[in-house]
């Protein structure tokens, strides 16, 4: 009878510790979200050209700040930059190939004119 009482107390204690751990992680996430929002002011001070250089737009900043206060806005920004980078490379390659095909000498292979 004593062992079952001890095991119940032990499981209750570990449950409280688990709950405190979850609470601590959530609190840390909220604190990080507020720090990131403060850092967003630096990005907002950039002009449009500077934002474009890093793959962002004013609309991206507005969308990130529109997230709930407890959510980290940088997740939105990272997603937007990744989306643009994944579409930009294939588009740039296709543009390069179009320009190459439209050149007066025609497409080139190995540094020599195709023929």
Protein backbone atom coordinates (compact mmCIF):
# COMPACT_ATOMS: atom_id res chain seq x y z
CA UNK A 1 0.00 0.00 0.00
CA UNK A 2 2.87 2.32 0.69
CA UNK A 3 4.47 1.74 -2.71
CA UNK A 4 1.28 2.66 -4.61
CA UNK A 5 1.00 5.89 -2.60
CA UNK A 6 4.62 6.77 -3.39
CA UNK A 7 4.20 6.08 -7.09
CA UNK A 8 1.12 8.33 -7.24
CA UNK A 9 3.02 11.16 -5.56
CA UNK A 10 5.99 10.64 -7.84
CA UNK A 11 3.87 10.78 -10.98
CA UNK A 12 2.05 13.88 -9.73
CA UNK A 13 5.37 15.62 -9.07
CA UNK A 14 6.75 14.81 -12.50
CA UNK A 15 3.50 16.02 -14.07
CA UNK A 16 3.95 19.36 -12.33
CA UNK A 17 7.53 19.58 -13.55
CA UNK A 18 6.40 18.75 -17.07
CA UNK A 19 3.73 21.46 -16.84
CA UNK A 20 6.30 23.98 -15.63
CA UNK A 21 8.60 23.07 -18.51
CA UNK A 22 5.83 23.63 -21.06
CA UNK A 23 4.95 26.93 -19.42
CA UNK A 24 8.59 28.02 -19.41
CA UNK A 25 8.96 27.20 -23.14
CA UNK A 26 5.80 29.12 -24.01
CA UNK A 27 6.90 32.09 -21.96
CA UNK A 28 10.31 32.06 -23.66
CA UNK A 29 8.58 31.96 -27.07
CA UNK A 30 6.45 34.99 -26.17
CA UNK A 31 9.51 36.90 -24.95
CA UNK A 32 11.33 36.04 -28.21
CA UNK A 33 8.32 37.20 -30.24
CA UNK A 34 8.38 40.58 -28.49
CA UNK A 35 12.13 40.92 -29.09
CA UNK A 36 11.62 40.11 -32.76
CA UNK A 37 8.87 42.72 -33.00
CA UNK A 38 11.25 45.28 -31.56
CA UNK A 39 13.85 44.26 -34.16
CA UNK A 40 11.24 44.73 -36.89
CA UNK A 41 11.56 48.47 -36.31
CA UNK A 42 15.05 48.28 -37.81
CA UNK A 43 13.71 46.57 -40.93
CA UNK A 44 10.91 49.15 -41.16
CA UNK A 45 13.54 51.89 -41.29
CA UNK A 46 15.05 50.39 -44.48
CA UNK A 47 14.02 51.87 -47.81
CA UNK A 48 12.30 49.70 -50.42
CA UNK A 49 15.53 49.02 -52.33
CA UNK A 50 17.27 47.75 -49.20
CA UNK A 51 14.33 45.51 -48.38
CA UNK A 52 14.33 44.15 -51.93
CA UNK A 53 18.05 43.37 -51.59
CA UNK A 54 17.27 40.99 -48.74
CA UNK A 55 14.18 39.59 -50.49
CA UNK A 56 11.47 41.47 -48.58
CA UNK A 57 8.84 44.10 -49.31
CA UNK A 58 6.85 46.56 -47.19
CA UNK A 59 3.87 44.23 -47.53
CA UNK A 60 5.90 41.40 -46.01
CA UNK A 61 6.66 43.58 -42.99
CA UNK A 62 2.99 44.51 -42.63
CA UNK A 63 1.95 40.86 -42.85
CA UNK A 64 4.53 39.85 -40.25
CA UNK A 65 3.45 42.54 -37.79
CA UNK A 66 -0.21 41.59 -38.31
CA UNK A 67 0.43 38.20 -36.67
CA UNK A 68 -0.88 37.75 -33.11
CA UNK A 69 1.36 39.36 -30.50
CA UNK A 70 2.56 36.07 -29.05
CA UNK A 71 3.64 34.73 -32.46
CA UNK A 72 7.15 35.44 -33.74
CA UNK A 73 6.88 37.62 -36.88
CA UNK A 74 10.20 36.43 -38.28
CA UNK A 75 8.59 33.13 -39.33
CA UNK A 76 6.50 35.03 -41.90
CA UNK A 77 9.56 36.88 -43.21
CA UNK A 78 11.66 33.73 -43.51
CA UNK A 79 8.85 31.98 -45.41
CA UNK A 80 8.48 34.89 -47.85
CA UNK A 81 12.21 35.06 -48.58
CA UNK A 82 12.41 31.30 -49.14
CA UNK A 83 9.41 31.39 -51.49
CA UNK A 84 10.97 34.15 -53.56
CA UNK A 85 14.36 32.48 -53.72
CA UNK A 86 12.88 29.17 -54.83
CA UNK A 87 11.02 30.83 -57.73
CA UNK A 88 13.71 33.36 -58.60
CA UNK A 89 16.44 30.89 -59.57
CA UNK A 90 14.40 28.91 -62.14
CA UNK A 91 13.03 32.18 -63.57
CA UNK A 92 16.55 33.60 -63.88
CA UNK A 93 17.75 30.43 -65.60
CA UNK A 94 14.83 30.52 -68.06
CA UNK A 95 15.49 34.19 -68.78
CA UNK A 96 19.16 33.45 -69.42
CA UNK A 97 18.27 30.66 -71.86
CA UNK A 98 15.80 32.91 -73.70
CA UNK A 99 18.45 35.60 -74.10
CA UNK A 100 20.96 33.03 -75.24
CA UNK A 101 18.59 31.65 -77.89
CA UNK A 102 17.76 35.17 -79.09
CA UNK A 103 21.42 36.18 -79.53
CA UNK A 104 22.48 36.94 -83.14
CA UNK A 105 24.92 34.04 -83.19
CA UNK A 106 22.34 31.61 -81.85
CA UNK A 107 22.77 29.23 -78.93
CA UNK A 108 26.31 28.35 -78.00
CA UNK A 109 27.68 25.09 -76.72
CA UNK A 110 31.11 24.73 -75.21
CA UNK A 111 32.15 28.24 -76.19
CA UNK A 112 31.67 27.59 -79.94
CA UNK A 113 28.73 28.44 -82.14
CA UNK A 114 26.39 25.52 -82.67
CA UNK A 115 26.32 24.38 -86.22
